[in-house]
Each structure stands twice: as C-alpha cells, then as structure tokens.
N, C-alpha and C. Protein backbone atom coordinates (compact mmCIF):
# COMPACT_ATOMS: atom_id res chain seq x y z
N MET A 1 32.88 26.10 -29.19
CA MET A 1 32.26 26.88 -30.24
C MET A 1 30.79 26.32 -30.52
N GLY A 2 29.54 27.07 -30.51
CA GLY A 2 28.40 27.01 -31.02
C GLY A 2 27.74 26.51 -32.32
N GLN A 3 26.66 25.86 -32.27
CA GLN A 3 26.55 25.68 -33.76
C GLN A 3 25.92 26.61 -34.71
N LYS A 4 26.12 26.87 -35.72
CA LYS A 4 25.36 27.86 -36.31
C LYS A 4 23.91 27.36 -36.69
N ARG A 5 23.61 28.56 -36.16
CA ARG A 5 21.58 27.87 -36.44
C ARG A 5 21.12 28.35 -37.64
N GLU A 6 20.27 27.66 -38.34
CA GLU A 6 19.84 28.15 -39.61
C GLU A 6 18.84 28.87 -39.72
N LYS A 7 18.89 29.87 -40.94
CA LYS A 7 17.79 31.14 -40.87
C LYS A 7 16.59 30.63 -40.92
N TRP A 8 16.19 29.29 -41.35
CA TRP A 8 14.45 29.28 -41.65
C TRP A 8 14.25 28.64 -40.32
N ILE A 9 15.38 28.38 -39.37
CA ILE A 9 15.06 27.61 -37.72
C ILE A 9 14.48 29.18 -37.14
N ASN A 10 13.17 29.46 -36.91
CA ASN A 10 12.96 30.48 -36.06
C ASN A 10 11.99 30.48 -35.29
N GLN A 11 11.11 31.30 -34.78
CA GLN A 11 10.24 31.37 -33.75
C GLN A 11 9.31 31.30 -34.58
N ASP A 12 8.87 32.14 -35.64
CA ASP A 12 8.01 32.20 -36.99
C ASP A 12 7.88 30.40 -37.48
N SER A 13 8.99 30.40 -38.01
CA SER A 13 8.67 28.94 -38.96
C SER A 13 8.33 27.70 -37.50
N ASP A 14 8.94 27.65 -36.41
CA ASP A 14 8.62 26.90 -35.94
C ASP A 14 7.47 27.08 -34.99
N GLU A 15 6.59 27.69 -34.96
CA GLU A 15 4.80 28.44 -34.79
C GLU A 15 4.02 27.42 -35.55
N LEU A 16 4.78 27.75 -37.17
CA LEU A 16 4.14 27.14 -38.09
C LEU A 16 3.89 25.62 -37.99
N PHE A 17 5.07 24.73 -37.56
CA PHE A 17 4.96 23.73 -37.39
C PHE A 17 4.26 23.16 -36.42
N ARG A 18 4.42 24.01 -35.42
CA ARG A 18 3.39 23.41 -34.17
C ARG A 18 2.14 23.33 -34.80
N ILE A 19 1.53 24.56 -35.52
CA ILE A 19 0.26 24.50 -35.70
C ILE A 19 -0.46 23.33 -37.25
N ILE A 20 0.93 22.82 -37.58
CA ILE A 20 0.97 22.04 -38.84
C ILE A 20 0.75 20.77 -37.89
N LEU A 21 1.29 20.39 -37.03
CA LEU A 21 1.22 19.19 -36.37
C LEU A 21 -0.46 19.19 -35.31
N GLY A 22 -0.95 19.92 -35.38
CA GLY A 22 -1.97 19.89 -34.99
C GLY A 22 -3.57 19.86 -35.51
N ILE A 23 -3.01 20.09 -37.04
CA ILE A 23 -4.19 19.79 -38.04
C ILE A 23 -4.49 18.34 -37.84
N LYS A 24 -5.87 18.54 -37.80
CA LYS A 24 -6.93 17.34 -37.26
C LYS A 24 -7.00 16.44 -38.31
N ASP A 25 -7.47 16.64 -39.32
CA ASP A 25 -7.52 15.89 -40.48
C ASP A 25 -7.46 16.30 -42.30
N LEU A 26 -7.69 15.59 -43.06
CA LEU A 26 -7.11 15.70 -44.39
C LEU A 26 -7.82 16.81 -45.20
N ASP A 27 -9.53 17.14 -44.71
CA ASP A 27 -10.15 18.28 -44.89
C ASP A 27 -9.44 19.45 -44.36
N GLU A 28 -9.33 19.42 -43.29
CA GLU A 28 -8.67 20.87 -42.38
C GLU A 28 -7.31 21.31 -42.93
N ALA A 29 -6.53 20.36 -43.47
CA ALA A 29 -4.90 20.43 -43.57
C ALA A 29 -5.16 21.25 -45.57
N ARG A 30 -6.25 20.31 -46.00
CA ARG A 30 -6.12 21.32 -47.45
C ARG A 30 -6.88 22.48 -47.53
N ARG A 31 -7.73 22.79 -46.41
CA ARG A 31 -7.93 24.07 -46.52
C ARG A 31 -7.01 24.91 -45.83
N PHE A 32 -6.43 24.78 -44.57
CA PHE A 32 -5.19 25.37 -44.24
C PHE A 32 -3.98 25.37 -45.14
N PHE A 33 -3.44 24.51 -46.12
CA PHE A 33 -2.59 24.66 -47.08
C PHE A 33 -3.05 25.85 -48.12
N ARG A 34 -4.21 25.65 -48.29
CA ARG A 34 -4.66 26.51 -49.19
C ARG A 34 -4.84 27.93 -49.25
N ASP A 35 -5.26 28.25 -48.18
CA ASP A 35 -5.30 29.74 -47.25
C ASP A 35 -3.23 30.22 -47.54
N LEU A 36 -2.82 29.23 -47.03
CA LEU A 36 -0.89 29.43 -46.98
C LEU A 36 -0.48 29.47 -47.93
N LEU A 37 -0.90 28.82 -49.33
CA LEU A 37 0.04 28.65 -50.02
C LEU A 37 -1.27 28.75 -51.51
N THR A 38 -0.45 29.16 -52.72
CA THR A 38 -1.02 29.29 -53.73
C THR A 38 -1.13 27.77 -54.40
N GLU A 39 -1.89 27.67 -55.12
CA GLU A 39 -2.38 26.26 -56.00
C GLU A 39 -1.19 25.36 -56.62
N SER A 40 -0.23 26.84 -56.99
CA SER A 40 1.04 26.17 -57.37
C SER A 40 1.96 25.69 -56.44
N GLU A 41 2.24 26.28 -55.54
CA GLU A 41 3.03 25.71 -54.68
C GLU A 41 2.69 24.57 -53.89
N ILE A 42 1.52 24.16 -54.12
CA ILE A 42 0.85 23.34 -53.41
C ILE A 42 0.83 21.99 -54.32
N ILE A 43 1.01 22.04 -55.84
CA ILE A 43 1.21 21.21 -56.35
C ILE A 43 2.39 21.07 -56.77
N GLU A 44 3.45 21.84 -56.63
CA GLU A 44 5.22 21.89 -56.58
C GLU A 44 5.43 20.79 -55.30
N PHE A 45 5.05 21.42 -54.26
CA PHE A 45 5.38 20.37 -53.16
C PHE A 45 4.83 19.08 -53.02
N GLY A 46 3.77 19.06 -53.73
CA GLY A 46 2.80 17.44 -54.32
C GLY A 46 4.06 16.66 -54.83
N GLN A 47 4.24 17.14 -56.17
CA GLN A 47 5.13 16.98 -56.77
C GLN A 47 6.70 16.62 -56.33
N ARG A 48 7.18 17.41 -55.62
CA ARG A 48 8.43 17.16 -54.82
C ARG A 48 8.37 15.67 -54.22
N PHE A 49 7.47 15.43 -53.03
CA PHE A 49 7.29 14.41 -52.49
C PHE A 49 6.46 13.36 -53.18
N LYS A 50 6.17 13.22 -54.21
CA LYS A 50 5.47 12.02 -55.04
C LYS A 50 6.95 11.65 -55.69
N VAL A 51 8.31 12.53 -56.06
CA VAL A 51 9.52 12.12 -56.65
C VAL A 51 9.95 11.46 -55.51
N ALA A 52 10.28 12.02 -54.37
CA ALA A 52 10.73 11.50 -53.43
C ALA A 52 10.23 9.96 -52.68
N ARG A 53 8.80 10.09 -52.87
CA ARG A 53 8.48 8.52 -52.94
C ARG A 53 8.75 7.41 -53.88
N LEU A 54 9.10 7.87 -54.98
CA LEU A 54 9.02 6.69 -56.03
C LEU A 54 11.09 6.47 -55.95
N LEU A 55 11.66 7.51 -55.49
CA LEU A 55 12.83 7.64 -55.58
C LEU A 55 13.04 6.36 -54.20
N TYR A 56 12.22 6.92 -53.17
CA TYR A 56 12.47 5.81 -52.09
C TYR A 56 12.25 4.15 -52.56
N ARG A 57 11.33 4.32 -53.54
CA ARG A 57 10.70 2.66 -53.83
C ARG A 57 11.68 1.96 -55.22
N GLY A 58 12.57 2.97 -55.33
CA GLY A 58 13.53 2.25 -56.29
C GLY A 58 13.67 2.70 -57.79
N VAL A 59 12.41 3.33 -58.05
CA VAL A 59 12.31 3.62 -59.18
C VAL A 59 13.18 4.65 -60.05
N PRO A 60 13.53 4.05 -61.07
CA PRO A 60 14.32 4.98 -61.96
C PRO A 60 14.17 6.17 -62.54
N TYR A 61 15.24 7.24 -62.41
CA TYR A 61 15.12 8.54 -62.91
C TYR A 61 14.29 8.84 -64.13
N ARG A 62 14.48 8.52 -64.93
CA ARG A 62 13.99 8.33 -66.29
C ARG A 62 12.29 8.28 -66.25
N GLU A 63 11.85 7.23 -65.65
CA GLU A 63 10.85 6.78 -65.25
C GLU A 63 10.12 7.86 -64.18
N ILE A 64 10.61 8.21 -63.54
CA ILE A 64 9.95 9.52 -62.14
C ILE A 64 9.73 10.81 -63.58
N SER A 65 10.77 11.35 -64.19
CA SER A 65 10.57 12.25 -65.16
C SER A 65 9.77 12.14 -66.07
N ARG A 66 9.02 10.83 -66.23
CA ARG A 66 7.95 10.42 -67.42
C ARG A 66 6.75 10.78 -66.69
N ARG A 67 6.69 9.98 -65.39
CA ARG A 67 5.49 10.09 -64.83
C ARG A 67 5.00 11.81 -63.66
N THR A 68 6.17 12.39 -64.04
CA THR A 68 5.99 13.91 -62.94
C THR A 68 6.69 15.02 -63.92
N TRP A 69 7.16 14.51 -64.86
CA TRP A 69 7.42 15.68 -65.76
C TRP A 69 8.63 16.57 -65.33
N MET A 70 9.16 16.42 -63.91
CA MET A 70 10.13 16.95 -63.31
C MET A 70 11.31 16.74 -64.11
N SER A 71 12.38 17.44 -64.16
CA SER A 71 14.05 17.67 -64.62
C SER A 71 14.55 16.62 -64.15
N MET A 72 15.27 15.80 -64.58
CA MET A 72 16.29 15.04 -64.13
C MET A 72 16.95 15.75 -63.08
N ARG A 73 17.36 17.47 -63.32
CA ARG A 73 18.37 18.04 -62.35
C ARG A 73 17.65 17.68 -61.11
N THR A 74 16.39 18.23 -61.06
CA THR A 74 15.47 17.97 -59.61
C THR A 74 15.31 17.21 -59.04
N ILE A 75 15.34 15.85 -60.12
CA ILE A 75 15.19 14.31 -59.24
C ILE A 75 16.61 14.21 -58.29
N ALA A 76 17.59 14.55 -59.09
CA ALA A 76 18.72 14.26 -58.34
C ALA A 76 19.25 15.00 -57.17
N ARG A 77 18.53 16.13 -57.48
CA ARG A 77 18.49 17.31 -55.95
C ARG A 77 17.44 16.64 -54.87
N ILE A 78 16.62 16.14 -55.04
CA ILE A 78 15.43 15.32 -54.50
C ILE A 78 16.26 14.42 -54.09
N GLN A 79 16.74 13.29 -54.54
CA GLN A 79 17.76 11.78 -54.22
C GLN A 79 18.59 12.47 -53.27
N LYS A 80 19.46 13.91 -53.42
CA LYS A 80 20.45 14.04 -52.66
C LYS A 80 19.65 14.30 -51.22
N TRP A 81 18.97 15.13 -51.02
CA TRP A 81 18.15 15.40 -50.01
C TRP A 81 17.42 14.65 -49.08
N LEU A 82 17.16 13.09 -49.82
CA LEU A 82 16.54 12.06 -49.40
C LEU A 82 17.85 11.52 -48.94
N GLN A 83 18.95 11.40 -49.54
CA GLN A 83 20.15 10.69 -48.90
C GLN A 83 20.80 11.22 -47.62
N THR A 84 20.97 12.57 -47.74
CA THR A 84 22.17 13.20 -47.17
C THR A 84 21.47 14.77 -46.51
N GLY A 85 20.53 14.85 -46.56
CA GLY A 85 19.62 15.76 -45.98
C GLY A 85 19.62 15.58 -44.35
N LYS A 86 18.33 16.44 -44.08
CA LYS A 86 18.14 16.45 -43.09
C LYS A 86 17.82 15.29 -42.06
N GLY A 87 17.15 14.22 -42.97
CA GLY A 87 16.39 12.81 -42.41
C GLY A 87 14.81 12.85 -42.11
N GLY A 88 14.35 14.27 -43.02
CA GLY A 88 12.93 14.42 -42.87
C GLY A 88 12.33 13.51 -43.66
N TYR A 89 12.99 13.53 -45.08
CA TYR A 89 12.28 12.47 -46.20
C TYR A 89 11.91 10.95 -45.39
N ARG A 90 13.40 10.41 -45.04
CA ARG A 90 13.23 9.40 -44.73
C ARG A 90 12.52 8.99 -43.76
N ALA A 91 12.60 9.56 -42.66
CA ALA A 91 11.57 9.61 -41.36
C ALA A 91 10.27 9.52 -41.51
N VAL A 92 9.74 10.12 -42.72
CA VAL A 92 8.39 10.06 -42.66
C VAL A 92 7.66 9.12 -43.95
N LEU A 93 8.71 8.41 -44.79
CA LEU A 93 8.41 7.94 -45.87
C LEU A 93 8.67 6.63 -44.80
N GLU A 94 9.27 6.30 -44.24
CA GLU A 94 9.64 4.96 -43.33
C GLU A 94 8.45 4.31 -42.84
N ARG A 95 8.36 5.85 -42.10
CA ARG A 95 6.87 5.71 -41.00
C ARG A 95 5.35 5.33 -42.14
N ALA A 96 5.33 5.66 -43.43
CA ALA A 96 4.46 5.52 -43.99
C ALA A 96 4.29 4.67 -44.63
N TYR A 97 5.79 4.07 -45.02
CA TYR A 97 5.93 3.08 -46.14
C TYR A 97 6.58 1.47 -45.89
N GLY A 98 7.09 1.58 -44.54
CA GLY A 98 8.08 1.04 -44.42
C GLY A 98 9.44 1.16 -44.65
N HIS A 99 10.48 0.25 -43.98
CA HIS A 99 11.61 0.31 -44.78
C HIS A 99 12.23 -0.08 -45.82
N HIS A 100 12.60 0.92 -46.80
CA HIS A 100 13.12 0.45 -48.42
C HIS A 100 14.37 0.66 -48.63
N PRO A 101 15.30 0.38 -48.96
CA PRO A 101 16.42 0.72 -49.04
C PRO A 101 16.49 2.02 -50.51
N VAL A 102 17.19 2.68 -50.09
CA VAL A 102 17.32 3.94 -51.12
C VAL A 102 18.55 3.83 -51.91
N SER A 103 18.58 3.59 -52.94
CA SER A 103 19.70 3.60 -54.41
C SER A 103 20.76 4.41 -53.58
N SER A 104 21.68 4.14 -54.15
CA SER A 104 23.27 4.39 -54.19
C SER A 104 23.15 5.62 -54.68
N GLY A 105 21.97 6.50 -55.57
CA GLY A 105 22.35 7.98 -55.81
C GLY A 105 22.17 8.09 -57.29
N LYS A 106 23.05 6.80 -57.92
CA LYS A 106 22.97 6.87 -59.40
C LYS A 106 21.90 6.54 -60.29
N ARG A 107 21.96 6.96 -61.50
CA ARG A 107 20.89 7.12 -61.93
C ARG A 107 20.93 5.88 -62.31
N SER A 108 19.40 5.02 -62.24
CA SER A 108 18.88 3.82 -62.62
C SER A 108 18.82 4.04 -64.60
N ALA A 109 19.12 2.60 -64.89
CA ALA A 109 18.36 2.41 -66.26
C ALA A 109 16.77 2.26 -66.41
N VAL A 110 16.57 2.66 -67.48
CA VAL A 110 15.09 2.41 -67.63
C VAL A 110 14.78 0.80 -67.20
N VAL A 111 13.16 1.04 -66.91
CA VAL A 111 12.74 -0.50 -66.55
C VAL A 111 11.94 -0.55 -67.57
C-alpha cells in the first residue's frame, strides 16, 4: 500500500519551493517574501526560526520566552518539530551553525 501524500505537498507548493530555491540574494528574498506575505506573517516566521535557533543552541525555554515573547506552548511545539518533525529545521540549522546537540525536550532551568 502506498504512503498517503500530505495535503500541503502539491504542484503549487512545489513550484513555490522551486522559485524560493532560485532566489539570488537577500534583497530579492526580502522583496519576494514581502510581496508574498504580510509584514505580520514575515515577523511570525522570523520569530519561529529564532526560537528554533535558540533551542538548537540549548537556550532554556524561559530565556527564549523572555527574548521572543513567544508562549511556552509555542516554544514546546517548535521544540517538538525540531526533534521529531520532517528534519527541515535540523538540516538548515546544522548547515548554518554546525552540529549542536538538541536538548531532550525537557524544559531547562533558567540560566
């Protein structure tokens, strides 16, 4: 029996991903994403990625919440995606920042 294909994986989203892969520089990326998304959506995506970066570096949940104003629930969800998601966060973080062990998912004490 074949694997069930996820709804978000379709011709339109694949075309979008191919276009994103072809973006030539930061300025073009900024202009493209600003045309594609609202300012609020861009900020939200940036904050989620910041949380993922901080988790990857082992920063405690409370410190992340203080720095980003994200709720503990959102931070925990991002931690779950970082550990058991599709591997996208881990792949780009390792490529950008090198290998760092990700915490067990337990909330760390405040530093």
